[in-house]
Amino acid sequence: MTRYFGQTDMGETIFAIYRKRRVDDLIYQEIWNTATSSWDITTSLMRLITGGDCTLSEIKEEDAMKAFPVAFPA
């Protein structure tokens, strides 16, 4: 199951999306890189979660798709 997280400007606009997904018993943490239009491996997601960052929240896949449609090719 893939979980999505959005980083917002104090609850307003989502300016970054992250995803956490399991593949072959490994858990990948990725951030959408707008410069390269690709998902990049990151360690910052876990730091944001465990640090209690107030700009990060779990979001629905639909919300991630609305914020960054190019990250979800048809």
PDB file of N, CA and C in Angstrom:
ATOM      1  N   MET A   1       0.842  -1.186   0.000  1.00  0.00           N
ATOM      2  CA  MET A   1       0.000   0.000   0.000  1.00  0.00           C
ATOM      3  C   MET A   1       0.881   1.241   0.000  1.00  0.00           C
ATOM      4  N   THR A   2       0.540   2.175  -0.831  1.00  0.00           N
ATOM      5  CA  THR A   2       1.283   3.431  -0.907  1.00  0.00           C
ATOM      6  C   THR A   2       0.558   4.488  -0.094  1.00  0.00           C
ATOM      7  N   ARG A   3       1.315   5.180   0.740  1.00  0.00           N
ATOM      8  CA  ARG A   3       0.770   6.290   1.530  1.00  0.00           C
ATOM      9  C   ARG A   3       1.385   7.575   1.014  1.00  0.00           C
ATOM     10  N   TYR A   4       0.585   8.630   0.957  1.00  0.00           N
ATOM     11  CA  TYR A   4       1.035   9.925   0.441  1.00  0.00           C
ATOM     12  C   TYR A   4       1.006  10.964   1.550  1.00  0.00           C
ATOM     13  N   PHE A   5       1.945  11.890   1.461  1.00  0.00           N
ATOM     14  CA  PHE A   5       2.062  12.969   2.432  1.00  0.00           C
ATOM     15  C   PHE A   5       2.249  14.266   1.673  1.00  0.00           C
ATOM     16  N   GLY A   6       1.617  15.308   2.161  1.00  0.00           N
ATOM     17  CA  GLY A   6       1.762  16.618   1.541  1.00  0.00           C
ATOM     18  C   GLY A   6       2.387  17.586   2.519  1.00  0.00           C
ATOM     19  N   GLN A   7       3.252  18.417   2.010  1.00  0.00           N
ATOM     20  CA  GLN A   7       3.841  19.477   2.824  1.00  0.00           C
ATOM     21  C   GLN A   7       3.201  20.773   2.370  1.00  0.00           C
ATOM     22  N   THR A   8       2.621  21.497   3.308  1.00  0.00           N
ATOM     23  CA  THR A   8       1.835  22.678   2.966  1.00  0.00           C
ATOM     24  C   THR A   8       2.398  23.933   3.597  1.00  0.00           C
ATOM     25  N   ASP A   9       1.919  25.035   3.080  1.00  0.00           N
ATOM     26  CA  ASP A   9       2.233  26.337   3.647  1.00  0.00           C
ATOM     27  C   ASP A   9       1.187  26.617   4.728  1.00  0.00           C
ATOM     28  N   MET A  10       1.396  26.032   5.877  1.00  0.00           N
ATOM     29  CA  MET A  10       0.492  26.168   7.026  1.00  0.00           C
ATOM     30  C   MET A  10      -0.956  25.780   6.672  1.00  0.00           C
ATOM     31  N   GLY A  11      -1.086  24.626   6.007  1.00  0.00           N
ATOM     32  CA  GLY A  11      -2.407  24.084   5.736  1.00  0.00           C
ATOM     33  C   GLY A  11      -3.059  24.597   4.468  1.00  0.00           C
ATOM     34  N   GLU A  12      -2.388  25.415   3.711  1.00  0.00           N
ATOM     35  CA  GLU A  12      -2.981  25.962   2.494  1.00  0.00           C
ATOM     36  C   GLU A  12      -2.556  25.149   1.276  1.00  0.00           C
ATOM     37  N   THR A  13      -1.645  25.656   0.491  1.00  0.00           N
ATOM     38  CA  THR A  13      -1.226  25.030  -0.752  1.00  0.00           C
ATOM     39  C   THR A  13      -0.187  23.944  -0.515  1.00  0.00           C
ATOM     40  N   ILE A  14      -0.376  22.791  -1.160  1.00  0.00           N
ATOM     41  CA  ILE A  14       0.612  21.711  -1.079  1.00  0.00           C
ATOM     42  C   ILE A  14       1.770  22.074  -2.001  1.00  0.00           C
ATOM     43  N   PHE A  15       2.965  22.198  -1.420  1.00  0.00           N
ATOM     44  CA  PHE A  15       4.120  22.554  -2.244  1.00  0.00           C
ATOM     45  C   PHE A  15       5.093  21.398  -2.446  1.00  0.00           C
ATOM     46  N   ALA A  16       4.870  20.283  -1.756  1.00  0.00           N
ATOM     47  CA  ALA A  16       5.707  19.095  -1.946  1.00  0.00           C
ATOM     48  C   ALA A  16       4.885  17.870  -1.594  1.00  0.00           C
ATOM     49  N   ILE A  17       5.105  16.798  -2.355  1.00  0.00           N
ATOM     50  CA  ILE A  17       4.450  15.534  -2.016  1.00  0.00           C
ATOM     51  C   ILE A  17       5.504  14.448  -1.847  1.00  0.00           C
ATOM     52  N   TYR A  18       5.207  13.580  -0.900  1.00  0.00           N
ATOM     53  CA  TYR A  18       6.061  12.434  -0.585  1.00  0.00           C
ATOM     54  C   TYR A  18       5.200  11.189  -0.690  1.00  0.00           C
ATOM     55  N   ARG A  19       5.844  10.064  -0.910  1.00  0.00           N
ATOM     56  CA  ARG A  19       5.122   8.802  -0.830  1.00  0.00           C
ATOM     57  C   ARG A  19       5.994   7.777  -0.115  1.00  0.00           C
ATOM     58  N   LYS A  20       5.305   6.864   0.546  1.00  0.00           N
ATOM     59  CA  LYS A  20       5.957   5.765   1.257  1.00  0.00           C
ATOM     60  C   LYS A  20       5.314   4.498   0.733  1.00  0.00           C
ATOM     61  N   ARG A  21       6.125   3.621   0.143  1.00  0.00           N
ATOM     62  CA  ARG A  21       5.567   2.416  -0.476  1.00  0.00           C
ATOM     63  C   ARG A  21       6.453   1.210  -0.225  1.00  0.00           C
ATOM     64  N   ARG A  22       5.823   0.067  -0.229  1.00  0.00           N
ATOM     65  CA  ARG A  22       6.523  -1.202  -0.005  1.00  0.00           C
ATOM     66  C   ARG A  22       6.673  -1.928  -1.340  1.00  0.00           C
ATOM     67  N   VAL A  23       7.899  -2.357  -1.610  1.00  0.00           N
ATOM     68  CA  VAL A  23       8.199  -3.146  -2.812  1.00  0.00           C
ATOM     69  C   VAL A  23       9.157  -4.250  -2.403  1.00  0.00           C
ATOM     70  N   ASP A  24       8.744  -5.503  -2.612  1.00  0.00           N
ATOM     71  CA  ASP A  24       9.606  -6.654  -2.293  1.00  0.00           C
ATOM     72  C   ASP A  24      10.184  -6.585  -0.881  1.00  0.00           C
ATOM     73  N   ASP A  25       9.334  -6.355   0.093  1.00  0.00           N
ATOM     74  CA  ASP A  25       9.715  -6.295   1.512  1.00  0.00           C
ATOM     75  C   ASP A  25      10.651  -5.131   1.854  1.00  0.00           C
ATOM     76  N   LEU A  26      10.770  -4.162   0.992  1.00  0.00           N
ATOM     77  CA  LEU A  26      11.521  -2.938   1.274  1.00  0.00           C
ATOM     78  C   LEU A  26      10.545  -1.769   1.293  1.00  0.00           C
ATOM     79  N   ILE A  27      10.810  -0.796   2.153  1.00  0.00           N
ATOM     80  CA  ILE A  27       9.969   0.392   2.214  1.00  0.00           C
ATOM     81  C   ILE A  27      10.745   1.551   1.596  1.00  0.00           C
ATOM     82  N   TYR A  28      10.143   2.151   0.566  1.00  0.00           N
ATOM     83  CA  TYR A  28      10.759   3.285  -0.116  1.00  0.00           C
ATOM     84  C   TYR A  28      10.079   4.568   0.315  1.00  0.00           C
ATOM     85  N   GLN A  29      10.882   5.581   0.602  1.00  0.00           N
ATOM     86  CA  GLN A  29      10.396   6.920   0.900  1.00  0.00           C
ATOM     87  C   GLN A  29      10.863   7.793  -0.257  1.00  0.00           C
ATOM     88  N   GLU A  30       9.914   8.461  -0.897  1.00  0.00           N
ATOM     89  CA  GLU A  30      10.254   9.231  -2.080  1.00  0.00           C
ATOM     90  C   GLU A  30       9.598  10.611  -2.048  1.00  0.00           C
ATOM     91  N   ILE A  31      10.233  11.542  -2.706  1.00  0.00           N
ATOM     92  CA  ILE A  31       9.695  12.889  -2.878  1.00  0.00           C
ATOM     93  C   ILE A  31       9.582  13.159  -4.373  1.00  0.00           C
ATOM     94  N   TRP A  32       8.527  13.866  -4.773  1.00  0.00           N
ATOM     95  CA  TRP A  32       8.377  14.225  -6.176  1.00  0.00           C
ATOM     96  C   TRP A  32       9.303  15.404  -6.464  1.00  0.00           C
ATOM     97  N   ASN A  33      10.205  15.201  -7.411  1.00  0.00           N
ATOM     98  CA  ASN A  33      11.172  16.226  -7.800  1.00  0.00           C
ATOM     99  C   ASN A  33      10.623  16.942  -9.027  1.00  0.00           C
ATOM    100  N   THR A  34      10.196  18.185  -8.850  1.00  0.00           N
ATOM    101  CA  THR A  34       9.603  18.928  -9.961  1.00  0.00           C
ATOM    102  C   THR A  34      10.640  19.299 -11.019  1.00  0.00           C
ATOM    103  N   ALA A  35      11.892  19.408 -10.637  1.00  0.00           N
ATOM    104  CA  ALA A  35      12.941  19.772 -11.602  1.00  0.00           C
ATOM    105  C   ALA A  35      13.212  18.643 -12.598  1.00  0.00           C
ATOM    106  N   THR A  36      13.139  17.403 -12.141  1.00  0.00           N
ATOM    107  CA  THR A  36      13.423  16.262 -13.014  1.00  0.00           C
ATOM    108  C   THR A  36      12.167  15.472 -13.383  1.00  0.00           C
ATOM    109  N   SER A  37      11.030  15.864 -12.815  1.00  0.00           N
ATOM    110  CA  SER A  37       9.756  15.157 -13.024  1.00  0.00           C
ATOM    111  C   SER A  37       9.900  13.670 -12.736  1.00  0.00           C
ATOM    112  N   SER A  38      10.422  13.386 -11.550  1.00  0.00           N
ATOM    113  CA  SER A  38      10.603  11.987 -11.142  1.00  0.00           C
ATOM    114  C   SER A  38      10.496  11.870  -9.628  1.00  0.00           C
ATOM    115  N   TRP A  39      10.231  10.636  -9.189  1.00  0.00           N
ATOM    116  CA  TRP A  39      10.222  10.338  -7.766  1.00  0.00           C
ATOM    117  C   TRP A  39      11.653  10.023  -7.349  1.00  0.00           C
ATOM    118  N   ASP A  40      12.161  10.740  -6.352  1.00  0.00           N
ATOM    119  CA  ASP A  40      13.519  10.531  -5.859  1.00  0.00           C
ATOM    120  C   ASP A  40      13.487   9.949  -4.452  1.00  0.00           C
ATOM    121  N   ILE A  41      14.409   9.046  -4.186  1.00  0.00           N
ATOM    122  CA  ILE A  41      14.553   8.482  -2.840  1.00  0.00           C
ATOM    123  C   ILE A  41      14.941   9.605  -1.888  1.00  0.00           C
ATOM    124  N   THR A  42      14.356   9.595  -0.686  1.00  0.00           N
ATOM    125  CA  THR A  42      14.658  10.620   0.310  1.00  0.00           C
ATOM    126  C   THR A  42      14.653  10.014   1.713  1.00  0.00           C
ATOM    127  N   THR A  43      15.359  10.637   2.595  1.00  0.00           N
ATOM    128  CA  THR A  43      15.278  10.274   4.017  1.00  0.00           C
ATOM    129  C   THR A  43      14.560  11.363   4.801  1.00  0.00           C
ATOM    130  N   SER A  44      14.208  12.438   4.134  1.00  0.00           N
ATOM    131  CA  SER A  44      13.587  13.558   4.843  1.00  0.00           C
ATOM    132  C   SER A  44      12.160  13.257   5.295  1.00  0.00           C
ATOM    133  N   LEU A  45      11.456  12.354   4.622  1.00  0.00           N
ATOM    134  CA  LEU A  45      10.083  12.045   5.035  1.00  0.00           C
ATOM    135  C   LEU A  45      10.044  11.521   6.458  1.00  0.00           C
ATOM    136  N   MET A  46      10.877  10.555   6.783  1.00  0.00           N
ATOM    137  CA  MET A  46      10.864   9.992   8.134  1.00  0.00           C
ATOM    138  C   MET A  46      11.270  11.047   9.161  1.00  0.00           C
ATOM    139  N   ARG A  47      12.206  11.906   8.822  1.00  0.00           N
ATOM    140  CA  ARG A  47      12.592  12.988   9.745  1.00  0.00           C
ATOM    141  C   ARG A  47      11.424  13.936   9.990  1.00  0.00           C
ATOM    142  N   LEU A  48      10.675  14.253   8.942  1.00  0.00           N
ATOM    143  CA  LEU A  48       9.514  15.134   9.107  1.00  0.00           C
ATOM    144  C   LEU A  48       8.447  14.475   9.972  1.00  0.00           C
ATOM    145  N   ILE A  49       8.216  13.185   9.754  1.00  0.00           N
ATOM    146  CA  ILE A  49       7.200  12.465  10.529  1.00  0.00           C
ATOM    147  C   ILE A  49       7.610  12.359  11.998  1.00  0.00           C
ATOM    148  N   THR A  50       8.816  11.889  12.240  1.00  0.00           N
ATOM    149  CA  THR A  50       9.240  11.683  13.633  1.00  0.00           C
ATOM    150  C   THR A  50       9.505  12.991  14.358  1.00  0.00           C
ATOM    151  N   GLY A  51       9.834  14.026  13.605  1.00  0.00           N
ATOM    152  CA  GLY A  51      10.075  15.330  14.219  1.00  0.00           C
ATOM    153  C   GLY A  51       8.807  16.104  14.495  1.00  0.00           C
ATOM    154  N   GLY A  52       7.667  15.586  14.011  1.00  0.00           N
ATOM    155  CA  GLY A  52       6.397  16.254  14.264  1.00  0.00           C
ATOM    156  C   GLY A  52       6.243  17.547  13.499  1.00  0.00           C
ATOM    157  N   ASP A  53       6.772  17.606  12.286  1.00  0.00           N
ATOM    158  CA  ASP A  53       6.695  18.824  11.474  1.00  0.00           C
ATOM    159  C   ASP A  53       5.239  19.206  11.237  1.00  0.00           C
ATOM    160  N   CYS A  54       4.891  20.430  11.558  1.00  0.00           N
ATOM    161  CA  CYS A  54       3.493  20.861  11.469  1.00  0.00           C
ATOM    162  C   CYS A  54       3.056  21.150  10.037  1.00  0.00           C
ATOM    163  N   THR A  55       3.981  21.172   9.082  1.00  0.00           N
ATOM    164  CA  THR A  55       3.602  21.443   7.696  1.00  0.00           C
ATOM    165  C   THR A  55       3.329  20.162   6.920  1.00  0.00           C
ATOM    166  N   LEU A  56       3.531  18.998   7.540  1.00  0.00           N
ATOM    167  CA  LEU A  56       3.366  17.714   6.858  1.00  0.00           C
ATOM    168  C   LEU A  56       2.119  17.006   7.363  1.00  0.00           C
ATOM    169  N   SER A  57       1.341  16.458   6.428  1.00  0.00           N
ATOM    170  CA  SER A  57       0.194  15.649   6.831  1.00  0.00           C
ATOM    171  C   SER A  57      -0.042  14.569   5.793  1.00  0.00           C
ATOM    172  N   GLU A  58      -0.627  13.470   6.243  1.00  0.00           N
ATOM    173  CA  GLU A  58      -0.963  12.403   5.310  1.00  0.00           C
ATOM    174  C   GLU A  58      -2.149  12.863   4.478  1.00  0.00           C
ATOM    175  N   ILE A  59      -2.081  12.606   3.174  1.00  0.00           N
ATOM    176  CA  ILE A  59      -3.139  13.033   2.273  1.00  0.00           C
ATOM    177  C   ILE A  59      -3.605  11.844   1.438  1.00  0.00           C
ATOM    178  N   LYS A  60      -4.770  11.985   0.848  1.00  0.00           N
ATOM    179  CA  LYS A  60      -5.299  10.952  -0.042  1.00  0.00           C
ATOM    180  C   LYS A  60      -4.552  11.014  -1.371  1.00  0.00           C
ATOM    181  N   GLU A  61      -4.516   9.887  -2.046  1.00  0.00           N
ATOM    182  CA  GLU A  61      -3.876   9.846  -3.361  1.00  0.00           C
ATOM    183  C   GLU A  61      -4.517  10.869  -4.306  1.00  0.00           C
ATOM    184  N   GLU A  62      -5.813  11.037  -4.218  1.00  0.00           N
ATOM    185  CA  GLU A  62      -6.515  11.997  -5.066  1.00  0.00           C
ATOM    186  C   GLU A  62      -6.013  13.423  -4.842  1.00  0.00           C
ATOM    187  N   ASP A  63      -5.739  13.771  -3.587  1.00  0.00           N
ATOM    188  CA  ASP A  63      -5.226  15.111  -3.279  1.00  0.00           C
ATOM    189  C   ASP A  63      -3.808  15.294  -3.822  1.00  0.00           C
ATOM    190  N   ALA A  64      -3.005  14.231  -3.737  1.00  0.00           N
ATOM    191  CA  ALA A  64      -1.652  14.290  -4.301  1.00  0.00           C
ATOM    192  C   ALA A  64      -1.723  14.460  -5.811  1.00  0.00           C
ATOM    193  N   MET A  65      -2.666  13.768  -6.441  1.00  0.00           N
ATOM    194  CA  MET A  65      -2.831  13.863  -7.890  1.00  0.00           C
ATOM    195  C   MET A  65      -3.285  15.262  -8.309  1.00  0.00           C
ATOM    196  N   LYS A  66      -4.139  15.886  -7.516  1.00  0.00           N
ATOM    197  CA  LYS A  66      -4.593  17.244  -7.826  1.00  0.00           C
ATOM    198  C   LYS A  66      -3.452  18.246  -7.702  1.00  0.00           C
ATOM    199  N   ALA A  67      -2.608  18.054  -6.696  1.00  0.00           N
ATOM    200  CA  ALA A  67      -1.507  18.992  -6.461  1.00  0.00           C
ATOM    201  C   ALA A  67      -0.406  18.863  -7.508  1.00  0.00           C
ATOM    202  N   PHE A  68      -0.095  17.623  -7.904  1.00  0.00           N
ATOM    203  CA  PHE A  68       0.978  17.357  -8.866  1.00  0.00           C
ATOM    204  C   PHE A  68       0.523  16.298  -9.868  1.00  0.00           C
ATOM    205  N   PRO A  69      -0.363  16.649 -10.797  1.00  0.00           N
ATOM    206  CA  PRO A  69      -0.879  15.647 -11.739  1.00  0.00           C
ATOM    207  C   PRO A  69       0.204  14.978 -12.584  1.00  0.00           C
ATOM    208  N   VAL A  70       1.289  15.683 -12.865  1.00  0.00           N
ATOM    209  CA  VAL A  70       2.355  15.115 -13.687  1.00  0.00           C
ATOM    210  C   VAL A  70       3.060  13.946 -12.995  1.00  0.00           C
ATOM    211  N   ALA A  71       2.924  13.844 -11.680  1.00  0.00           N
ATOM    212  CA  ALA A  71       3.541  12.751 -10.924  1.00  0.00           C
ATOM    213  C   ALA A  71       2.778  11.432 -11.079  1.00  0.00           C
ATOM    214  N   PHE A  72       1.624  11.513 -11.716  1.00  0.00           N
ATOM    215  CA  PHE A  72       0.757  10.337 -11.856  1.00  0.00           C
ATOM    216  C   PHE A  72       0.365  10.173 -13.322  1.00  0.00           C
ATOM    217  N   PRO A  73       1.275   9.684 -14.146  1.00  0.00           N
ATOM    218  CA  PRO A  73       0.941   9.529 -15.571  1.00  0.00           C
ATOM    219  C   PRO A  73      -0.188   8.516 -15.763  1.00  0.00           C
ATOM    220  N   ALA A  74      -0.978   8.777 -16.754  1.00  0.00           N
ATOM    221  CA  ALA A  74      -2.137   7.906 -17.029  1.00  0.00           C
ATOM    222  C   ALA A  74      -1.735   6.573 -17.595  1.00  0.00           C
TER     223      ALA A  74
END
